Amino acid sequence: METLQYRVVLEPNELGGFTVLVPALPGCVTQGKTREEAIERAKEAIAVFLESLQADGEPIPSDVAWEEVRVEVAV
């Protein structure tokens, strides 16, 4: 069994908890009440997403190199 790594984005929700996005896997989204729960659910969501791709004969995407840049905007 191969081990893959994917970058996830945790977005705090206004009412608490986090939404988790997996940029390399469009449509792979989950959430959790705490940061830890959100990360665990992300692992589960990624595994299910990849299993679905394999079952459909689709290629497994790798996480691409990212460059994170913060920009300042005057409002």
N, C-alpha and C. Protein backbone atom coordinates (compact mmCIF):
# COMPACT_ATOMS: atom_id res chain seq x y z
N MET A 1 0.85 -1.19 0.00
CA MET A 1 0.00 0.00 0.00
C MET A 1 0.89 1.24 0.00
N GLU A 2 0.60 2.13 -0.90
CA GLU A 2 1.36 3.37 -1.04
C GLU A 2 0.79 4.44 -0.09
N THR A 3 1.67 5.26 0.45
CA THR A 3 1.24 6.37 1.30
C THR A 3 1.40 7.67 0.52
N LEU A 4 0.34 8.42 0.41
CA LEU A 4 0.36 9.71 -0.29
C LEU A 4 0.12 10.83 0.70
N GLN A 5 0.60 12.00 0.36
CA GLN A 5 0.37 13.18 1.20
C GLN A 5 -0.37 14.23 0.38
N TYR A 6 -1.34 14.86 1.00
CA TYR A 6 -2.10 15.93 0.36
C TYR A 6 -2.17 17.13 1.29
N ARG A 7 -2.06 18.29 0.70
CA ARG A 7 -2.20 19.55 1.43
C ARG A 7 -3.69 19.80 1.62
N VAL A 8 -4.09 20.21 2.82
CA VAL A 8 -5.49 20.55 3.09
C VAL A 8 -5.55 21.99 3.58
N VAL A 9 -6.70 22.61 3.36
CA VAL A 9 -6.92 23.99 3.81
C VAL A 9 -8.05 23.95 4.84
N LEU A 10 -7.77 24.45 6.03
CA LEU A 10 -8.78 24.53 7.08
C LEU A 10 -9.35 25.94 7.10
N GLU A 11 -10.64 26.03 6.90
CA GLU A 11 -11.32 27.33 6.94
C GLU A 11 -12.21 27.39 8.17
N PRO A 12 -11.93 28.30 9.11
CA PRO A 12 -12.80 28.42 10.28
C PRO A 12 -14.21 28.85 9.86
N ASN A 13 -15.21 28.24 10.45
CA ASN A 13 -16.60 28.60 10.18
C ASN A 13 -17.05 29.66 11.17
N GLU A 14 -17.94 30.51 10.74
CA GLU A 14 -18.44 31.58 11.61
C GLU A 14 -19.09 31.05 12.88
N LEU A 15 -19.78 29.93 12.78
CA LEU A 15 -20.49 29.37 13.93
C LEU A 15 -19.68 28.32 14.67
N GLY A 16 -18.40 28.23 14.35
CA GLY A 16 -17.53 27.25 15.00
C GLY A 16 -17.20 26.09 14.07
N GLY A 17 -16.12 25.43 14.37
CA GLY A 17 -15.70 24.31 13.56
C GLY A 17 -14.93 24.77 12.34
N PHE A 18 -14.61 23.80 11.49
CA PHE A 18 -13.79 24.06 10.31
C PHE A 18 -14.34 23.33 9.10
N THR A 19 -14.24 23.96 7.95
CA THR A 19 -14.45 23.31 6.67
C THR A 19 -13.07 22.98 6.14
N VAL A 20 -12.92 21.79 5.55
CA VAL A 20 -11.63 21.36 5.03
C VAL A 20 -11.74 21.14 3.53
N LEU A 21 -10.83 21.76 2.79
CA LEU A 21 -10.75 21.61 1.34
C LEU A 21 -9.44 20.91 0.99
N VAL A 22 -9.47 20.11 -0.07
CA VAL A 22 -8.26 19.44 -0.56
C VAL A 22 -8.04 19.95 -1.97
N PRO A 23 -7.18 20.96 -2.14
CA PRO A 23 -7.02 21.60 -3.45
C PRO A 23 -6.65 20.66 -4.59
N ALA A 24 -5.87 19.62 -4.33
CA ALA A 24 -5.46 18.69 -5.38
C ALA A 24 -6.60 17.76 -5.80
N LEU A 25 -7.67 17.70 -4.99
CA LEU A 25 -8.80 16.82 -5.25
C LEU A 25 -10.08 17.64 -5.27
N PRO A 26 -10.34 18.35 -6.36
CA PRO A 26 -11.54 19.20 -6.41
C PRO A 26 -12.80 18.42 -6.07
N GLY A 27 -13.59 18.98 -5.17
CA GLY A 27 -14.81 18.34 -4.72
C GLY A 27 -14.64 17.53 -3.45
N CYS A 28 -13.41 17.36 -3.01
CA CYS A 28 -13.15 16.63 -1.77
C CYS A 28 -13.18 17.64 -0.62
N VAL A 29 -14.31 17.67 0.07
CA VAL A 29 -14.56 18.66 1.12
C VAL A 29 -15.16 17.95 2.32
N THR A 30 -14.78 18.36 3.51
CA THR A 30 -15.38 17.81 4.71
C THR A 30 -15.37 18.88 5.79
N GLN A 31 -15.75 18.53 7.00
CA GLN A 31 -15.74 19.50 8.10
C GLN A 31 -15.59 18.79 9.42
N GLY A 32 -15.28 19.56 10.45
CA GLY A 32 -15.15 19.02 11.79
C GLY A 32 -15.39 20.11 12.81
N LYS A 33 -15.79 19.70 14.01
CA LYS A 33 -16.07 20.67 15.08
C LYS A 33 -14.79 21.26 15.66
N THR A 34 -13.72 20.47 15.66
CA THR A 34 -12.43 20.95 16.16
C THR A 34 -11.40 20.78 15.05
N ARG A 35 -10.24 21.40 15.24
CA ARG A 35 -9.16 21.27 14.26
C ARG A 35 -8.77 19.80 14.10
N GLU A 36 -8.63 19.10 15.21
CA GLU A 36 -8.24 17.70 15.19
C GLU A 36 -9.27 16.84 14.47
N GLU A 37 -10.54 17.07 14.77
CA GLU A 37 -11.60 16.31 14.11
C GLU A 37 -11.63 16.61 12.61
N ALA A 38 -11.43 17.86 12.25
CA ALA A 38 -11.43 18.25 10.84
C ALA A 38 -10.30 17.54 10.10
N ILE A 39 -9.14 17.44 10.70
CA ILE A 39 -8.00 16.77 10.06
C ILE A 39 -8.27 15.28 9.92
N GLU A 40 -8.82 14.66 10.94
CA GLU A 40 -9.15 13.23 10.87
C GLU A 40 -10.19 12.96 9.78
N ARG A 41 -11.18 13.82 9.72
CA ARG A 41 -12.22 13.66 8.68
C ARG A 41 -11.64 13.90 7.30
N ALA A 42 -10.65 14.78 7.20
CA ALA A 42 -9.99 15.02 5.91
C ALA A 42 -9.29 13.74 5.45
N LYS A 43 -8.62 13.05 6.36
CA LYS A 43 -7.95 11.79 6.01
C LYS A 43 -8.97 10.78 5.48
N GLU A 44 -10.10 10.68 6.17
CA GLU A 44 -11.15 9.75 5.75
C GLU A 44 -11.72 10.15 4.39
N ALA A 45 -11.99 11.44 4.20
CA ALA A 45 -12.57 11.91 2.94
C ALA A 45 -11.60 11.68 1.78
N ILE A 46 -10.32 11.91 2.00
CA ILE A 46 -9.33 11.69 0.95
C ILE A 46 -9.28 10.22 0.59
N ALA A 47 -9.26 9.35 1.58
CA ALA A 47 -9.21 7.90 1.32
C ALA A 47 -10.41 7.46 0.49
N VAL A 48 -11.60 7.90 0.85
CA VAL A 48 -12.82 7.53 0.12
C VAL A 48 -12.78 8.11 -1.30
N PHE A 49 -12.34 9.34 -1.43
CA PHE A 49 -12.23 9.99 -2.74
C PHE A 49 -11.30 9.20 -3.65
N LEU A 50 -10.13 8.82 -3.12
CA LEU A 50 -9.15 8.08 -3.92
C LEU A 50 -9.66 6.68 -4.28
N GLU A 51 -10.35 6.03 -3.34
CA GLU A 51 -10.94 4.72 -3.62
C GLU A 51 -11.95 4.82 -4.76
N SER A 52 -12.72 5.89 -4.77
CA SER A 52 -13.71 6.11 -5.82
C SER A 52 -13.03 6.31 -7.17
N LEU A 53 -11.95 7.08 -7.18
CA LEU A 53 -11.21 7.27 -8.43
C LEU A 53 -10.67 5.94 -8.95
N GLN A 54 -10.10 5.15 -8.05
CA GLN A 54 -9.55 3.84 -8.44
C GLN A 54 -10.64 2.93 -8.99
N ALA A 55 -11.79 2.91 -8.34
CA ALA A 55 -12.90 2.06 -8.77
C ALA A 55 -13.38 2.45 -10.17
N ASP A 56 -13.28 3.74 -10.48
CA ASP A 56 -13.72 4.23 -11.79
C ASP A 56 -12.59 4.19 -12.83
N GLY A 57 -11.43 3.67 -12.43
CA GLY A 57 -10.31 3.59 -13.36
C GLY A 57 -9.65 4.93 -13.66
N GLU A 58 -9.88 5.90 -12.81
CA GLU A 58 -9.30 7.24 -12.99
C GLU A 58 -7.92 7.30 -12.36
N PRO A 59 -7.05 8.17 -12.87
CA PRO A 59 -5.72 8.32 -12.26
C PRO A 59 -5.80 9.00 -10.89
N ILE A 60 -4.85 8.69 -10.04
CA ILE A 60 -4.77 9.30 -8.71
C ILE A 60 -3.90 10.56 -8.83
N PRO A 61 -4.49 11.73 -8.59
CA PRO A 61 -3.71 12.97 -8.69
C PRO A 61 -2.69 13.08 -7.55
N SER A 62 -1.56 13.66 -7.86
CA SER A 62 -0.59 13.95 -6.80
C SER A 62 -0.80 15.39 -6.37
N ASP A 63 -0.33 15.71 -5.20
CA ASP A 63 -0.42 17.08 -4.71
C ASP A 63 0.67 17.87 -5.42
N VAL A 64 0.29 18.93 -6.07
CA VAL A 64 1.26 19.73 -6.82
C VAL A 64 1.97 20.72 -5.90
N ALA A 65 3.11 21.16 -6.34
CA ALA A 65 3.85 22.16 -5.56
C ALA A 65 3.05 23.46 -5.54
N TRP A 66 2.99 24.05 -4.38
CA TRP A 66 2.24 25.29 -4.20
C TRP A 66 3.18 26.38 -3.76
N GLU A 67 2.79 27.57 -4.07
CA GLU A 67 3.47 28.73 -3.51
C GLU A 67 2.40 29.56 -2.84
N GLU A 68 2.55 29.75 -1.56
CA GLU A 68 1.58 30.56 -0.83
C GLU A 68 2.11 31.97 -0.75
N VAL A 69 1.30 32.91 -1.19
CA VAL A 69 1.68 34.31 -1.19
C VAL A 69 0.56 35.10 -0.52
N ARG A 70 0.92 35.95 0.38
CA ARG A 70 -0.06 36.83 1.01
C ARG A 70 0.09 38.22 0.41
N VAL A 71 -1.02 38.82 0.10
CA VAL A 71 -0.98 40.15 -0.50
C VAL A 71 -1.73 41.12 0.40
N GLU A 72 -1.30 42.37 0.39
CA GLU A 72 -1.97 43.42 1.14
C GLU A 72 -2.87 44.19 0.20
N VAL A 73 -4.06 44.50 0.67
CA VAL A 73 -5.02 45.25 -0.14
C VAL A 73 -5.58 46.35 0.75
N ALA A 74 -5.49 47.58 0.30
CA ALA A 74 -6.06 48.71 1.05
C ALA A 74 -7.55 48.80 0.74
N VAL A 75 -8.34 48.93 1.80
CA VAL A 75 -9.79 49.08 1.60
C VAL A 75 -10.28 50.34 2.28
